[in-house]
Amino acid sequence: MLQNVGNSLFGYYRFEHLAKKKELIHFVSSGEHSIGFSERQAEMTICENRKLLAQAVGFDVNDLVTGHQVHGSHVAVVTKGDAGKGALDAASRIPDTDALVTDCEGICLMVLSADCVPVLFYDPNHHVIAAAHAGWRGTAANIVGKVVKMMEQYWGSDPRDILAAISPSIGPCCFEVDEEVAKVFRYSFPDMVHAGVREGKYQVNLWGVNRSELLNAGLADSNIEVAEVCSVCSGKSFFSYRREGKAAGRFGAGICLRHG
């Protein structure tokens, strides 16, 4: 269940099973303030919003790391030397990356969304964390499975031990697509594609696809928490490109290992 953390600086949400891990800091920011750099809002404003979020959640904004999200499936390993990349400017973001993985304490990994599916990961045995931005293209390319594989290969993670949290994002109620997108998912996940209300349109359940991909990667069903909150239907709780168009801001999902 998603927990609403009221905070006078910046409201945010947490996942129940990740919140039990005292060595972790994690969050899903609210739609109170946008934290995504864009031409529509002054960079200084976004920086101030990120500082407020960091103060509210409890991490150092100078240790924040983000990627330049391109709706792909590349997974980057983040080192201590990457601290601050994309934190307070867009130019220094890790290039062409939609998922970040690290075992470095203090580093906060964050992905941004305005409908796409953010997914957070934690291996409590090897103390490895990850954050993935699963747009429909990234979901189709199994970005979450690639994150799990990276955790296995680099740190020896056992998928059965990994916790995953699927954040608020566009739900099956609102992700209406045409035949071209529907057929991308229909072959591998037929149960996740249904006829839409309008002729020639289909509803795709990206939450269900990502959950299935996590199960296929070896995660235990009990270790996967799905917020089941639609960003389009949520009003001002979360930003939504489908609801607001180009004026939409961005919310973030982040995770950090506390210093030992």
C-alpha atoms as a PDB file:
ATOM      1  CA  MET A   1       0.000   0.000   0.000  1.00  0.00           C
ATOM      2  CA  LEU A   2       1.276   3.468  -0.892  1.00  0.00           C
ATOM      3  CA  GLN A   3       1.801   5.615   2.211  1.00  0.00           C
ATOM      4  CA  ASN A   4       1.187   9.376   2.029  1.00  0.00           C
ATOM      5  CA  VAL A   5       3.908  11.190   3.987  1.00  0.00           C
ATOM      6  CA  GLY A   6       2.651  14.646   4.874  1.00  0.00           C
ATOM      7  CA  ASN A   7       5.506  17.145   5.025  1.00  0.00           C
ATOM      8  CA  SER A   8       5.463  20.926   5.295  1.00  0.00           C
ATOM      9  CA  LEU A   9       8.411  21.196   2.881  1.00  0.00           C
ATOM     10  CA  PHE A  10       7.350  18.748   0.170  1.00  0.00           C
ATOM     11  CA  GLY A  11       4.775  15.974   0.374  1.00  0.00           C
ATOM     12  CA  TYR A  12       5.726  12.516  -0.864  1.00  0.00           C
ATOM     13  CA  TYR A  13       4.712   8.864  -0.781  1.00  0.00           C
ATOM     14  CA  ARG A  14       6.411   5.621   0.298  1.00  0.00           C
ATOM     15  CA  PHE A  15       5.879   1.922  -0.339  1.00  0.00           C
ATOM     16  CA  GLU A  16       4.990  -0.207   2.650  1.00  0.00           C
ATOM     17  CA  HIS A  17       7.538  -2.993   2.146  1.00  0.00           C
ATOM     18  CA  LEU A  18      10.439  -0.649   1.299  1.00  0.00           C
ATOM     19  CA  ALA A  19       9.599   1.597   4.268  1.00  0.00           C
ATOM     20  CA  LYS A  20      10.294  -1.343   6.590  1.00  0.00           C
ATOM     21  CA  LYS A  21      13.936  -1.345   5.491  1.00  0.00           C
ATOM     22  CA  LYS A  22      15.555   1.157   7.853  1.00  0.00           C
ATOM     23  CA  GLU A  23      18.736   1.217   5.779  1.00  0.00           C
ATOM     24  CA  LEU A  24      16.750   2.682   2.877  1.00  0.00           C
ATOM     25  CA  ILE A  25      15.402   6.085   1.956  1.00  0.00           C
ATOM     26  CA  HIS A  26      12.859   6.133  -0.833  1.00  0.00           C
ATOM     27  CA  PHE A  27      10.072   8.313  -2.152  1.00  0.00           C
ATOM     28  CA  VAL A  28       7.573   9.053  -4.861  1.00  0.00           C
ATOM     29  CA  SER A  29       7.198  12.827  -5.028  1.00  0.00           C
ATOM     30  CA  SER A  30       3.766  14.409  -5.230  1.00  0.00           C
ATOM     31  CA  GLY A  31       2.366  16.710  -7.885  1.00  0.00           C
ATOM     32  CA  GLU A  32       2.798  19.628  -5.514  1.00  0.00           C
ATOM     33  CA  HIS A  33       5.873  20.909  -7.356  1.00  0.00           C
ATOM     34  CA  SER A  34       7.470  19.778 -10.624  1.00  0.00           C
ATOM     35  CA  ILE A  35      11.020  18.431 -10.299  1.00  0.00           C
ATOM     36  CA  GLY A  36      11.751  17.829 -13.996  1.00  0.00           C
ATOM     37  CA  PHE A  37      13.879  20.235 -16.031  1.00  0.00           C
ATOM     38  CA  SER A  38      12.063  21.614 -19.068  1.00  0.00           C
ATOM     39  CA  GLU A  39      11.762  24.713 -21.194  1.00  0.00           C
ATOM     40  CA  ARG A  40       8.426  25.466 -19.537  1.00  0.00           C
ATOM     41  CA  GLN A  41       9.822  26.220 -16.094  1.00  0.00           C
ATOM     42  CA  ALA A  42      12.916  28.095 -14.912  1.00  0.00           C
ATOM     43  CA  GLU A  43      15.850  25.833 -14.035  1.00  0.00           C
ATOM     44  CA  MET A  44      16.272  27.735 -10.757  1.00  0.00           C
ATOM     45  CA  THR A  45      12.711  26.830  -9.746  1.00  0.00           C
ATOM     46  CA  ILE A  46      13.289  23.130 -10.432  1.00  0.00           C
ATOM     47  CA  CYS A  47      16.555  23.234  -8.459  1.00  0.00           C
ATOM     48  CA  GLU A  48      14.780  24.811  -5.499  1.00  0.00           C
ATOM     49  CA  ASN A  49      12.014  22.200  -5.698  1.00  0.00           C
ATOM     50  CA  ARG A  50      14.579  19.409  -5.700  1.00  0.00           C
ATOM     51  CA  LYS A  51      16.327  20.913  -2.691  1.00  0.00           C
ATOM     52  CA  LEU A  52      13.022  21.039  -0.834  1.00  0.00           C
ATOM     53  CA  LEU A  53      12.289  17.421  -1.745  1.00  0.00           C
ATOM     54  CA  ALA A  54      15.756  16.295  -0.620  1.00  0.00           C
ATOM     55  CA  GLN A  55      15.371  18.121   2.690  1.00  0.00           C
ATOM     56  CA  ALA A  56      11.916  16.635   3.255  1.00  0.00           C
ATOM     57  CA  VAL A  57      12.938  13.061   2.419  1.00  0.00           C
ATOM     58  CA  GLY A  58      16.369  13.182   4.050  1.00  0.00           C
ATOM     59  CA  PHE A  59      19.053  12.873   1.383  1.00  0.00           C
ATOM     60  CA  ASP A  60      21.763  15.257   0.135  1.00  0.00           C
ATOM     61  CA  VAL A  61      20.654  16.827  -3.143  1.00  0.00           C
ATOM     62  CA  ASN A  62      24.310  16.919  -4.214  1.00  0.00           C
ATOM     63  CA  ASP A  63      24.309  13.097  -4.141  1.00  0.00           C
ATOM     64  CA  LEU A  64      21.263  12.839  -6.413  1.00  0.00           C
ATOM     65  CA  VAL A  65      21.765  11.097  -9.789  1.00  0.00           C
ATOM     66  CA  THR A  66      19.400  11.142 -12.763  1.00  0.00           C
ATOM     67  CA  GLY A  67      19.658   9.963 -16.348  1.00  0.00           C
ATOM     68  CA  HIS A  68      18.699  11.581 -19.619  1.00  0.00           C
ATOM     69  CA  GLN A  69      15.604   9.457 -20.191  1.00  0.00           C
ATOM     70  CA  VAL A  70      15.012   8.509 -23.824  1.00  0.00           C
ATOM     71  CA  HIS A  71      12.241   5.886 -23.441  1.00  0.00           C
ATOM     72  CA  GLY A  72      14.793   3.142 -24.009  1.00  0.00           C
ATOM     73  CA  SER A  73      16.032   0.217 -21.927  1.00  0.00           C
ATOM     74  CA  HIS A  74      19.680   1.053 -21.202  1.00  0.00           C
ATOM     75  CA  VAL A  75      20.758   0.349 -17.609  1.00  0.00           C
ATOM     76  CA  ALA A  76      23.695   2.302 -16.144  1.00  0.00           C
ATOM     77  CA  VAL A  77      25.815   1.316 -13.140  1.00  0.00           C
ATOM     78  CA  VAL A  78      26.278   4.392 -10.937  1.00  0.00           C
ATOM     79  CA  THR A  79      29.515   4.911  -8.971  1.00  0.00           C
ATOM     80  CA  LYS A  80      30.498   7.389  -6.253  1.00  0.00           C
ATOM     81  CA  GLY A  81      32.086   9.530  -8.955  1.00  0.00           C
ATOM     82  CA  ASP A  82      28.655  10.009 -10.524  1.00  0.00           C
ATOM     83  CA  ALA A  83      27.231  11.751  -7.434  1.00  0.00           C
ATOM     84  CA  GLY A  84      25.439  14.930  -8.442  1.00  0.00           C
ATOM     85  CA  LYS A  85      25.042  14.093 -12.125  1.00  0.00           C
ATOM     86  CA  GLY A  86      21.735  15.568 -13.220  1.00  0.00           C
ATOM     87  CA  ALA A  87      20.992  16.756  -9.691  1.00  0.00           C
ATOM     88  CA  LEU A  88      20.867  20.511 -10.214  1.00  0.00           C
ATOM     89  CA  ASP A  89      21.213  20.800 -13.971  1.00  0.00           C
ATOM     90  CA  ALA A  90      20.057  18.884 -17.017  1.00  0.00           C
ATOM     91  CA  ALA A  91      23.363  18.944 -18.912  1.00  0.00           C
ATOM     92  CA  SER A  92      25.194  16.611 -16.520  1.00  0.00           C
ATOM     93  CA  ARG A  93      22.594  13.821 -16.558  1.00  0.00           C
ATOM     94  CA  ILE A  94      23.909  10.341 -17.387  1.00  0.00           C
ATOM     95  CA  PRO A  95      23.333  10.178 -21.152  1.00  0.00           C
ATOM     96  CA  ASP A  96      20.635   8.055 -22.825  1.00  0.00           C
ATOM     97  CA  THR A  97      19.735   6.090 -19.726  1.00  0.00           C
ATOM     98  CA  ASP A  98      16.367   4.981 -18.374  1.00  0.00           C
ATOM     99  CA  ALA A  99      17.553   2.854 -15.440  1.00  0.00           C
ATOM    100  CA  LEU A 100      20.192   3.341 -12.763  1.00  0.00           C
ATOM    101  CA  VAL A 101      21.762   0.769 -10.403  1.00  0.00           C
ATOM    102  CA  THR A 102      24.238   1.182  -7.539  1.00  0.00           C
ATOM    103  CA  ASP A 103      25.543  -0.267  -4.289  1.00  0.00           C
ATOM    104  CA  CYS A 104      27.014   3.077  -3.157  1.00  0.00           C
ATOM    105  CA  GLU A 105      25.741   4.432   0.138  1.00  0.00           C
ATOM    106  CA  GLY A 106      24.407   7.970   0.048  1.00  0.00           C
ATOM    107  CA  ILE A 107      23.742   8.049  -3.691  1.00  0.00           C
ATOM    108  CA  CYS A 108      20.084   8.769  -4.469  1.00  0.00           C
ATOM    109  CA  LEU A 109      18.873   7.328  -7.773  1.00  0.00           C
ATOM    110  CA  MET A 110      15.834   9.050  -9.262  1.00  0.00           C
ATOM    111  CA  VAL A 111      13.708   8.636 -12.367  1.00  0.00           C
ATOM    112  CA  LEU A 112      11.074  11.107 -13.548  1.00  0.00           C
ATOM    113  CA  SER A 113       7.568  10.521 -14.836  1.00  0.00           C
ATOM    114  CA  ALA A 114       4.368  12.124 -16.018  1.00  0.00           C
ATOM    115  CA  ASP A 115       2.571   8.819 -16.801  1.00  0.00           C
ATOM    116  CA  CYS A 116       5.413   6.369 -17.540  1.00  0.00           C
ATOM    117  CA  VAL A 117       6.016   3.623 -14.982  1.00  0.00           C
ATOM    118  CA  PRO A 118       8.751   4.245 -12.376  1.00  0.00           C
ATOM    119  CA  VAL A 119       9.995   1.055 -10.712  1.00  0.00           C
ATOM    120  CA  LEU A 120      12.228   0.912  -7.613  1.00  0.00           C
ATOM    121  CA  PHE A 121      14.366  -2.110  -6.656  1.00  0.00           C
ATOM    122  CA  TYR A 122      16.257  -3.266  -3.570  1.00  0.00           C
ATOM    123  CA  ASP A 123      18.330  -6.366  -2.850  1.00  0.00           C
ATOM    124  CA  PRO A 124      18.600  -6.430   0.971  1.00  0.00           C
ATOM    125  CA  ASN A 125      21.238  -9.167   0.962  1.00  0.00           C
ATOM    126  CA  HIS A 126      23.750  -7.414  -1.295  1.00  0.00           C
ATOM    127  CA  HIS A 127      22.576  -3.852  -0.569  1.00  0.00           C
ATOM    128  CA  VAL A 128      21.973  -2.932  -4.191  1.00  0.00           C
ATOM    129  CA  ILE A 129      19.338  -0.437  -5.301  1.00  0.00           C
ATOM    130  CA  ALA A 130      17.922   0.534  -8.683  1.00  0.00           C
ATOM    131  CA  ALA A 131      15.402   2.872 -10.266  1.00  0.00           C
ATOM    132  CA  ALA A 132      13.891   2.360 -13.725  1.00  0.00           C
ATOM    133  CA  HIS A 133      11.760   4.538 -16.000  1.00  0.00           C
ATOM    134  CA  ALA A 134       9.535   2.127 -17.905  1.00  0.00           C
ATOM    135  CA  GLY A 135       7.757   3.936 -20.693  1.00  0.00           C
ATOM    136  CA  TRP A 136       5.759   1.721 -23.013  1.00  0.00           C
ATOM    137  CA  ARG A 137       8.812   1.247 -25.226  1.00  0.00           C
ATOM    138  CA  GLY A 138      11.009   0.448 -22.247  1.00  0.00           C
ATOM    139  CA  THR A 139       8.340  -1.896 -20.928  1.00  0.00           C
ATOM    140  CA  ALA A 140       8.170  -3.646 -24.303  1.00  0.00           C
ATOM    141  CA  ALA A 141      11.972  -3.983 -24.199  1.00  0.00           C
ATOM    142  CA  ASN A 142      11.786  -5.525 -20.685  1.00  0.00           C
ATOM    143  CA  ILE A 143      13.770  -2.816 -18.936  1.00  0.00           C
ATOM    144  CA  VAL A 144      12.850  -4.213 -15.506  1.00  0.00           C
ATOM    145  CA  GLY A 145      14.168  -7.642 -16.483  1.00  0.00           C
ATOM    146  CA  LYS A 146      17.410  -6.009 -17.620  1.00  0.00           C
ATOM    147  CA  VAL A 147      17.761  -4.288 -14.260  1.00  0.00           C
ATOM    148  CA  VAL A 148      17.380  -7.620 -12.469  1.00  0.00           C
ATOM    149  CA  LYS A 149      19.935  -9.230 -14.800  1.00  0.00           C
ATOM    150  CA  MET A 150      22.386  -6.404 -14.079  1.00  0.00           C
ATOM    151  CA  MET A 151      21.952  -6.940 -10.337  1.00  0.00           C
ATOM    152  CA  GLU A 152      22.611 -10.649 -10.825  1.00  0.00           C
ATOM    153  CA  GLN A 153      25.695 -10.193 -13.002  1.00  0.00           C
ATOM    154  CA  TYR A 154      27.408  -7.374 -11.098  1.00  0.00           C
ATOM    155  CA  TRP A 155      26.549  -8.223  -7.494  1.00  0.00           C
ATOM    156  CA  GLY A 156      25.358 -11.822  -7.498  1.00  0.00           C
ATOM    157  CA  SER A 157      21.824 -10.899  -6.494  1.00  0.00           C
ATOM    158  CA  ASP A 158      19.306 -13.709  -6.246  1.00  0.00           C
ATOM    159  CA  PRO A 159      16.110 -12.452  -7.941  1.00  0.00           C
ATOM    160  CA  ARG A 160      14.056 -14.210  -5.268  1.00  0.00           C
ATOM    161  CA  ASP A 161      15.460 -11.756  -2.704  1.00  0.00           C
ATOM    162  CA  ILE A 162      14.863  -8.557  -4.699  1.00  0.00           C
ATOM    163  CA  LEU A 163      12.055  -6.227  -3.669  1.00  0.00           C
ATOM    164  CA  ALA A 164      10.359  -4.172  -6.392  1.00  0.00           C
ATOM    165  CA  ALA A 165       7.855  -1.322  -6.230  1.00  0.00           C
ATOM    166  CA  ILE A 166       5.780  -0.192  -9.216  1.00  0.00           C
ATOM    167  CA  SER A 167       4.971   3.475  -8.709  1.00  0.00           C
ATOM    168  CA  PRO A 168       1.943   5.565  -9.649  1.00  0.00           C
ATOM    169  CA  SER A 169       1.702   5.901 -13.431  1.00  0.00           C
ATOM    170  CA  ILE A 170      -0.852   5.629 -16.197  1.00  0.00           C
ATOM    171  CA  GLY A 171      -3.259   2.817 -15.402  1.00  0.00           C
ATOM    172  CA  PRO A 172      -5.028   0.293 -17.616  1.00  0.00           C
ATOM    173  CA  CYS A 173      -8.076   2.528 -17.292  1.00  0.00           C
ATOM    174  CA  CYS A 174      -6.393   5.344 -19.221  1.00  0.00           C
ATOM    175  CA  PHE A 175      -3.619   3.853 -21.357  1.00  0.00           C
ATOM    176  CA  GLU A 176      -5.568   3.778 -24.596  1.00  0.00           C
ATOM    177  CA  VAL A 177      -3.474   2.913 -27.662  1.00  0.00           C
ATOM    178  CA  ASP A 178      -3.904   2.074 -31.317  1.00  0.00           C
ATOM    179  CA  GLU A 179      -3.370  -1.278 -33.010  1.00  0.00           C
ATOM    180  CA  GLU A 180       0.322  -0.642 -33.649  1.00  0.00           C
ATOM    181  CA  VAL A 181       1.145  -0.297 -29.949  1.00  0.00           C
ATOM    182  CA  ALA A 182      -1.341  -2.973 -28.855  1.00  0.00           C
ATOM    183  CA  LYS A 183       0.272  -5.619 -31.048  1.00  0.00           C
ATOM    184  CA  VAL A 184       3.645  -4.982 -29.373  1.00  0.00           C
ATOM    185  CA  PHE A 185       2.199  -6.445 -26.169  1.00  0.00           C
ATOM    186  CA  ARG A 186      -0.495  -8.773 -27.462  1.00  0.00           C
ATOM    187  CA  TYR A 187       1.817 -11.675 -28.387  1.00  0.00           C
ATOM    188  CA  SER A 188       3.696 -11.945 -25.073  1.00  0.00           C
ATOM    189  CA  PHE A 189       1.036 -10.562 -22.715  1.00  0.00           C
ATOM    190  CA  PRO A 190      -2.398 -11.187 -24.270  1.00  0.00           C
ATOM    191  CA  ASP A 191      -4.135 -10.857 -20.896  1.00  0.00           C
ATOM    192  CA  MET A 192      -2.822  -7.293 -20.570  1.00  0.00           C
ATOM    193  CA  VAL A 193      -4.477  -6.006 -23.754  1.00  0.00           C
ATOM    194  CA  HIS A 194      -8.214  -5.398 -24.008  1.00  0.00           C
ATOM    195  CA  ALA A 195     -10.536  -3.739 -26.482  1.00  0.00           C
ATOM    196  CA  GLY A 196     -11.001  -0.058 -25.762  1.00  0.00           C
ATOM    197  CA  VAL A 197     -14.203   1.925 -25.521  1.00  0.00           C
ATOM    198  CA  ARG A 198     -13.573   3.518 -28.908  1.00  0.00           C
ATOM    199  CA  GLU A 199     -13.441   1.460 -32.081  1.00  0.00           C
ATOM    200  CA  GLY A 200      -9.918   0.539 -33.125  1.00  0.00           C
ATOM    201  CA  LYS A 201      -8.498   1.419 -29.700  1.00  0.00           C
ATOM    202  CA  TYR A 202      -7.115  -0.862 -26.980  1.00  0.00           C
ATOM    203  CA  GLN A 203      -6.341  -0.611 -23.268  1.00  0.00           C
ATOM    204  CA  VAL A 204      -2.908  -1.895 -22.174  1.00  0.00           C
ATOM    205  CA  ASN A 205      -2.072  -2.688 -18.546  1.00  0.00           C
ATOM    206  CA  LEU A 206       1.532  -1.516 -18.146  1.00  0.00           C
ATOM    207  CA  TRP A 207       1.444  -2.283 -14.421  1.00  0.00           C
ATOM    208  CA  GLY A 208       0.560  -5.872 -15.218  1.00  0.00           C
ATOM    209  CA  VAL A 209       3.162  -6.206 -17.968  1.00  0.00           C
ATOM    210  CA  ASN A 210       5.965  -4.916 -15.734  1.00  0.00           C
ATOM    211  CA  ARG A 211       4.824  -7.139 -12.890  1.00  0.00           C
ATOM    212  CA  SER A 212       4.810 -10.148 -15.225  1.00  0.00           C
ATOM    213  CA  GLU A 213       8.288  -9.258 -16.458  1.00  0.00           C
ATOM    214  CA  LEU A 214       9.522  -9.092 -12.871  1.00  0.00           C
ATOM    215  CA  LEU A 215       8.005 -12.503 -12.167  1.00  0.00           C
ATOM    216  CA  ASN A 216       9.626 -13.865 -15.328  1.00  0.00           C
ATOM    217  CA  ALA A 217      12.951 -12.466 -14.096  1.00  0.00           C
ATOM    218  CA  GLY A 218      12.604 -14.584 -10.955  1.00  0.00           C
ATOM    219  CA  LEU A 219      11.145 -12.196  -8.371  1.00  0.00           C
ATOM    220  CA  ALA A 220       8.760 -13.599  -5.797  1.00  0.00           C
ATOM    221  CA  ASP A 221       5.192 -12.418  -6.180  1.00  0.00           C
ATOM    222  CA  SER A 222       5.127 -11.358  -2.513  1.00  0.00           C
ATOM    223  CA  ASN A 223       8.147  -9.094  -3.117  1.00  0.00           C
ATOM    224  CA  ILE A 224       6.418  -6.984  -5.775  1.00  0.00           C
ATOM    225  CA  GLU A 225       4.321  -4.055  -4.562  1.00  0.00           C
ATOM    226  CA  VAL A 226       2.119  -2.241  -7.079  1.00  0.00           C
ATOM    227  CA  ALA A 227       0.771   1.186  -6.104  1.00  0.00           C
ATOM    228  CA  GLU A 228      -2.231   0.791  -8.452  1.00  0.00           C
ATOM    229  CA  VAL A 229      -2.602   4.576  -8.591  1.00  0.00           C
ATOM    230  CA  CYS A 230      -3.323   6.026 -12.032  1.00  0.00           C
ATOM    231  CA  SER A 231      -1.488   9.298 -12.632  1.00  0.00           C
ATOM    232  CA  VAL A 232      -4.141  10.386 -15.141  1.00  0.00           C
ATOM    233  CA  CYS A 233      -7.021   9.837 -12.700  1.00  0.00           C
ATOM    234  CA  SER A 234      -5.207  11.223  -9.669  1.00  0.00           C
ATOM    235  CA  GLY A 235      -5.957  14.887 -10.217  1.00  0.00           C
ATOM    236  CA  LYS A 236      -3.241  17.027  -8.653  1.00  0.00           C
ATOM    237  CA  SER A 237      -1.626  14.174  -6.739  1.00  0.00           C
ATOM    238  CA  PHE A 238       0.655  13.331  -9.691  1.00  0.00           C
ATOM    239  CA  PHE A 239       1.527  14.948 -12.998  1.00  0.00           C
ATOM    240  CA  SER A 240       0.105  13.420 -16.176  1.00  0.00           C
ATOM    241  CA  TYR A 241       1.120  14.166 -19.741  1.00  0.00           C
ATOM    242  CA  ARG A 242      -2.026  12.509 -21.039  1.00  0.00           C
ATOM    243  CA  ARG A 243      -4.176  14.712 -18.820  1.00  0.00           C
ATOM    244  CA  GLU A 244      -2.223  17.980 -18.993  1.00  0.00           C
ATOM    245  CA  GLY A 245      -0.366  17.755 -22.310  1.00  0.00           C
ATOM    246  CA  LYS A 246       2.861  19.682 -22.822  1.00  0.00           C
ATOM    247  CA  ALA A 247       2.175  21.770 -19.735  1.00  0.00           C
ATOM    248  CA  ALA A 248       2.619  18.729 -17.476  1.00  0.00           C
ATOM    249  CA  GLY A 249       5.331  18.828 -14.856  1.00  0.00           C
ATOM    250  CA  ARG A 250       7.258  15.770 -13.664  1.00  0.00           C
ATOM    251  CA  PHE A 251       7.185  13.819 -10.419  1.00  0.00           C
ATOM    252  CA  GLY A 252      10.012  11.562  -9.333  1.00  0.00           C
ATOM    253  CA  ALA A 253      10.621   8.162  -7.754  1.00  0.00           C
ATOM    254  CA  GLY A 254      13.893   7.762  -5.920  1.00  0.00           C
ATOM    255  CA  ILE A 255      15.814   5.388  -3.686  1.00  0.00           C
ATOM    256  CA  CYS A 256      18.955   5.719  -1.570  1.00  0.00           C
ATOM    257  CA  LEU A 257      21.049   3.554   0.749  1.00  0.00           C
ATOM    258  CA  ARG A 258      21.693   5.338   4.023  1.00  0.00           C
ATOM    259  CA  HIS A 259      25.290   5.804   5.107  1.00  0.00           C
ATOM    260  CA  GLY A 260      26.262   2.808   7.235  1.00  0.00           C
END
